[in-house]
Amino acid sequence: MVWRIGDRATFELLRRSGRRARRGPVTVTFAQAGSAPEPRVAYAVGRKVGNAVLRNRVRRRLRAAVAQTAELPPGAYLVAAGPAAARQSFEELRRDVARAMTAASGRDPA
């Protein structure tokens, strides 16, 4: 189960001391946030991706890709997508999200 990030302090922690990893058009920032036992995720899809309909579609696809990512360690994640994410197939997007989340959380040295 994945929870949402809603408090400003967590976003400040991500900005200040988060570890970043980029895979393709996906950038993930990770920070250990308190003692919460579950992973918490926020999504950022900028205007460069396209109009509101396209940005929302990319956000939904990111949410689905994160839900399919196995065993995320607890902490706070910010998943950001660049314009190329709108042109990727779901499998490519899912692979990039999983690889970036694994690398950002420190489970993968690459």
C-alpha atoms as a PDB file:
ATOM      1  CA  MET A   1       0.000   0.000   0.000  1.00  0.00           C
ATOM      2  CA  VAL A   2       1.246   3.478  -0.919  1.00  0.00           C
ATOM      3  CA  TRP A   3       0.225   6.641   0.950  1.00  0.00           C
ATOM      4  CA  ARG A   4       0.212  10.276  -0.152  1.00  0.00           C
ATOM      5  CA  ILE A   5       2.436  13.088   1.057  1.00  0.00           C
ATOM      6  CA  GLY A   6       0.424  16.039   2.276  1.00  0.00           C
ATOM      7  CA  ASP A   7       2.487  17.965   4.790  1.00  0.00           C
ATOM      8  CA  ARG A   8       4.863  20.797   3.961  1.00  0.00           C
ATOM      9  CA  ALA A   9       7.592  19.483   6.262  1.00  0.00           C
ATOM     10  CA  THR A  10       8.003  16.337   4.164  1.00  0.00           C
ATOM     11  CA  PHE A  11       8.281  18.354   0.946  1.00  0.00           C
ATOM     12  CA  GLU A  12      10.916  20.550   2.614  1.00  0.00           C
ATOM     13  CA  LEU A  13      12.809  17.418   3.691  1.00  0.00           C
ATOM     14  CA  LEU A  14      12.714  16.082   0.126  1.00  0.00           C
ATOM     15  CA  ARG A  15      13.993  19.382  -1.253  1.00  0.00           C
ATOM     16  CA  ARG A  16      16.668  19.859   1.397  1.00  0.00           C
ATOM     17  CA  SER A  17      18.132  16.399   1.872  1.00  0.00           C
ATOM     18  CA  GLY A  18      16.522  14.071  -0.645  1.00  0.00           C
ATOM     19  CA  ARG A  19      18.539  11.644  -2.759  1.00  0.00           C
ATOM     20  CA  ARG A  20      17.736  11.866  -6.488  1.00  0.00           C
ATOM     21  CA  ALA A  21      17.850   9.308  -9.259  1.00  0.00           C
ATOM     22  CA  ARG A  22      16.883   9.794 -12.885  1.00  0.00           C
ATOM     23  CA  ARG A  23      15.973   7.049 -15.325  1.00  0.00           C
ATOM     24  CA  GLY A  24      14.741   8.208 -18.712  1.00  0.00           C
ATOM     25  CA  PRO A  25      12.157  10.996 -18.266  1.00  0.00           C
ATOM     26  CA  VAL A  26      11.462  10.000 -14.642  1.00  0.00           C
ATOM     27  CA  THR A  27      13.212  11.600 -11.663  1.00  0.00           C
ATOM     28  CA  VAL A  28      12.645  10.243  -8.157  1.00  0.00           C
ATOM     29  CA  THR A  29      13.680  12.020  -4.973  1.00  0.00           C
ATOM     30  CA  PHE A  30      13.785   9.931  -1.786  1.00  0.00           C
ATOM     31  CA  ALA A  31      14.156  10.916   1.858  1.00  0.00           C
ATOM     32  CA  GLN A  32      13.793   8.996   5.095  1.00  0.00           C
ATOM     33  CA  ALA A  33      10.791  10.703   6.671  1.00  0.00           C
ATOM     34  CA  GLY A  34      10.200   9.905  10.311  1.00  0.00           C
ATOM     35  CA  SER A  35       9.253   6.449  11.467  1.00  0.00           C
ATOM     36  CA  ALA A  36       6.271   5.883   9.155  1.00  0.00           C
ATOM     37  CA  PRO A  37       6.089   2.167   8.277  1.00  0.00           C
ATOM     38  CA  GLU A  38       4.748   2.767   4.764  1.00  0.00           C
ATOM     39  CA  PRO A  39       6.111   4.502   1.672  1.00  0.00           C
ATOM     40  CA  ARG A  40       4.538   7.892   0.925  1.00  0.00           C
ATOM     41  CA  VAL A  41       4.552   9.278  -2.616  1.00  0.00           C
ATOM     42  CA  ALA A  42       3.891  12.636  -4.286  1.00  0.00           C
ATOM     43  CA  TYR A  43       3.818  13.289  -8.029  1.00  0.00           C
ATOM     44  CA  ALA A  44       5.066  16.275 -10.058  1.00  0.00           C
ATOM     45  CA  VAL A  45       4.139  16.660 -13.714  1.00  0.00           C
ATOM     46  CA  GLY A  46       5.019  20.102 -15.099  1.00  0.00           C
ATOM     47  CA  ARG A  47       3.399  22.144 -17.838  1.00  0.00           C
ATOM     48  CA  LYS A  48       6.121  21.215 -20.311  1.00  0.00           C
ATOM     49  CA  VAL A  49       4.549  17.751 -20.475  1.00  0.00           C
ATOM     50  CA  GLY A  50       1.438  19.146 -22.176  1.00  0.00           C
ATOM     51  CA  ASN A  51      -2.068  20.378 -21.485  1.00  0.00           C
ATOM     52  CA  ALA A  52      -4.031  19.447 -18.340  1.00  0.00           C
ATOM     53  CA  VAL A  53      -5.559  16.343 -19.911  1.00  0.00           C
ATOM     54  CA  LEU A  54      -2.140  14.970 -20.874  1.00  0.00           C
ATOM     55  CA  ARG A  55      -0.574  15.884 -17.508  1.00  0.00           C
ATOM     56  CA  ASN A  56      -3.366  14.113 -15.636  1.00  0.00           C
ATOM     57  CA  ARG A  57      -2.991  11.050 -17.857  1.00  0.00           C
ATOM     58  CA  VAL A  58       0.743  10.929 -17.128  1.00  0.00           C
ATOM     59  CA  ARG A  59       0.033  11.336 -13.378  1.00  0.00           C
ATOM     60  CA  ARG A  60      -2.445   8.422 -13.453  1.00  0.00           C
ATOM     61  CA  ARG A  61       0.066   6.273 -15.313  1.00  0.00           C
ATOM     62  CA  LEU A  62       2.777   7.168 -12.766  1.00  0.00           C
ATOM     63  CA  ARG A  63       0.423   6.192  -9.938  1.00  0.00           C
ATOM     64  CA  ALA A  64      -0.268   2.843 -11.596  1.00  0.00           C
ATOM     65  CA  ALA A  65       3.457   2.250 -12.183  1.00  0.00           C
ATOM     66  CA  VAL A  66       4.270   3.004  -8.535  1.00  0.00           C
ATOM     67  CA  ALA A  67       1.491   0.656  -7.388  1.00  0.00           C
ATOM     68  CA  GLN A  68       3.124  -2.150  -9.391  1.00  0.00           C
ATOM     69  CA  THR A  69       6.585  -1.494  -7.947  1.00  0.00           C
ATOM     70  CA  ALA A  70       7.394  -4.289  -5.514  1.00  0.00           C
ATOM     71  CA  GLU A  71       8.306  -3.680  -1.881  1.00  0.00           C
ATOM     72  CA  LEU A  72       9.212  -0.029  -1.585  1.00  0.00           C
ATOM     73  CA  PRO A  73      11.157   0.772   1.562  1.00  0.00           C
ATOM     74  CA  PRO A  74       9.429   3.220   3.933  1.00  0.00           C
ATOM     75  CA  GLY A  75      10.137   6.882   3.337  1.00  0.00           C
ATOM     76  CA  ALA A  76       8.999   9.805   1.208  1.00  0.00           C
ATOM     77  CA  TYR A  77       9.222   9.743  -2.577  1.00  0.00           C
ATOM     78  CA  LEU A  78       8.671  12.547  -5.087  1.00  0.00           C
ATOM     79  CA  VAL A  79       8.138  11.117  -8.573  1.00  0.00           C
ATOM     80  CA  ALA A  80       8.577  13.727 -11.328  1.00  0.00           C
ATOM     81  CA  ALA A  81       8.023  13.213 -15.039  1.00  0.00           C
ATOM     82  CA  GLY A  82       9.452  15.095 -17.992  1.00  0.00           C
ATOM     83  CA  PRO A  83       7.812  15.639 -21.405  1.00  0.00           C
ATOM     84  CA  ALA A  84       9.099  12.348 -22.853  1.00  0.00           C
ATOM     85  CA  ALA A  85       7.046  10.405 -20.274  1.00  0.00           C
ATOM     86  CA  ALA A  86       3.890  11.216 -22.232  1.00  0.00           C
ATOM     87  CA  ARG A  87       5.280   9.393 -25.280  1.00  0.00           C
ATOM     88  CA  GLN A  88       6.490   6.271 -23.482  1.00  0.00           C
ATOM     89  CA  SER A  89       4.569   3.020 -23.434  1.00  0.00           C
ATOM     90  CA  PHE A  90       3.308   1.961 -20.022  1.00  0.00           C
ATOM     91  CA  GLU A  91       5.890  -0.826 -19.795  1.00  0.00           C
ATOM     92  CA  GLU A  92       8.746   1.615 -20.490  1.00  0.00           C
ATOM     93  CA  LEU A  93       7.353   4.068 -17.941  1.00  0.00           C
ATOM     94  CA  ARG A  94       6.873   1.332 -15.340  1.00  0.00           C
ATOM     95  CA  ARG A  95      10.445   0.111 -15.851  1.00  0.00           C
ATOM     96  CA  ASP A  96      11.887   3.641 -15.538  1.00  0.00           C
ATOM     97  CA  VAL A  97       9.833   4.361 -12.406  1.00  0.00           C
ATOM     98  CA  ALA A  98      10.891   1.099 -10.739  1.00  0.00           C
ATOM     99  CA  ARG A  99      14.567   1.605 -11.584  1.00  0.00           C
ATOM    100  CA  ALA A 100      14.562   5.239 -10.416  1.00  0.00           C
ATOM    101  CA  MET A 101      12.769   4.406  -7.153  1.00  0.00           C
ATOM    102  CA  THR A 102      15.174   1.559  -6.444  1.00  0.00           C
ATOM    103  CA  ALA A 103      18.216   3.750  -7.135  1.00  0.00           C
ATOM    104  CA  ALA A 104      16.918   6.741  -5.148  1.00  0.00           C
ATOM    105  CA  SER A 105      16.097   4.641  -2.102  1.00  0.00           C
ATOM    106  CA  GLY A 106      19.664   3.314  -2.039  1.00  0.00           C
ATOM    107  CA  ARG A 107      18.849  -0.311  -2.820  1.00  0.00           C
ATOM    108  CA  ASP A 108      20.670  -0.120  -6.165  1.00  0.00           C
ATOM    109  CA  PRO A 109      24.132   1.373  -6.658  1.00  0.00           C
ATOM    110  CA  ALA A 110      23.525   2.208 -10.354  1.00  0.00           C
END
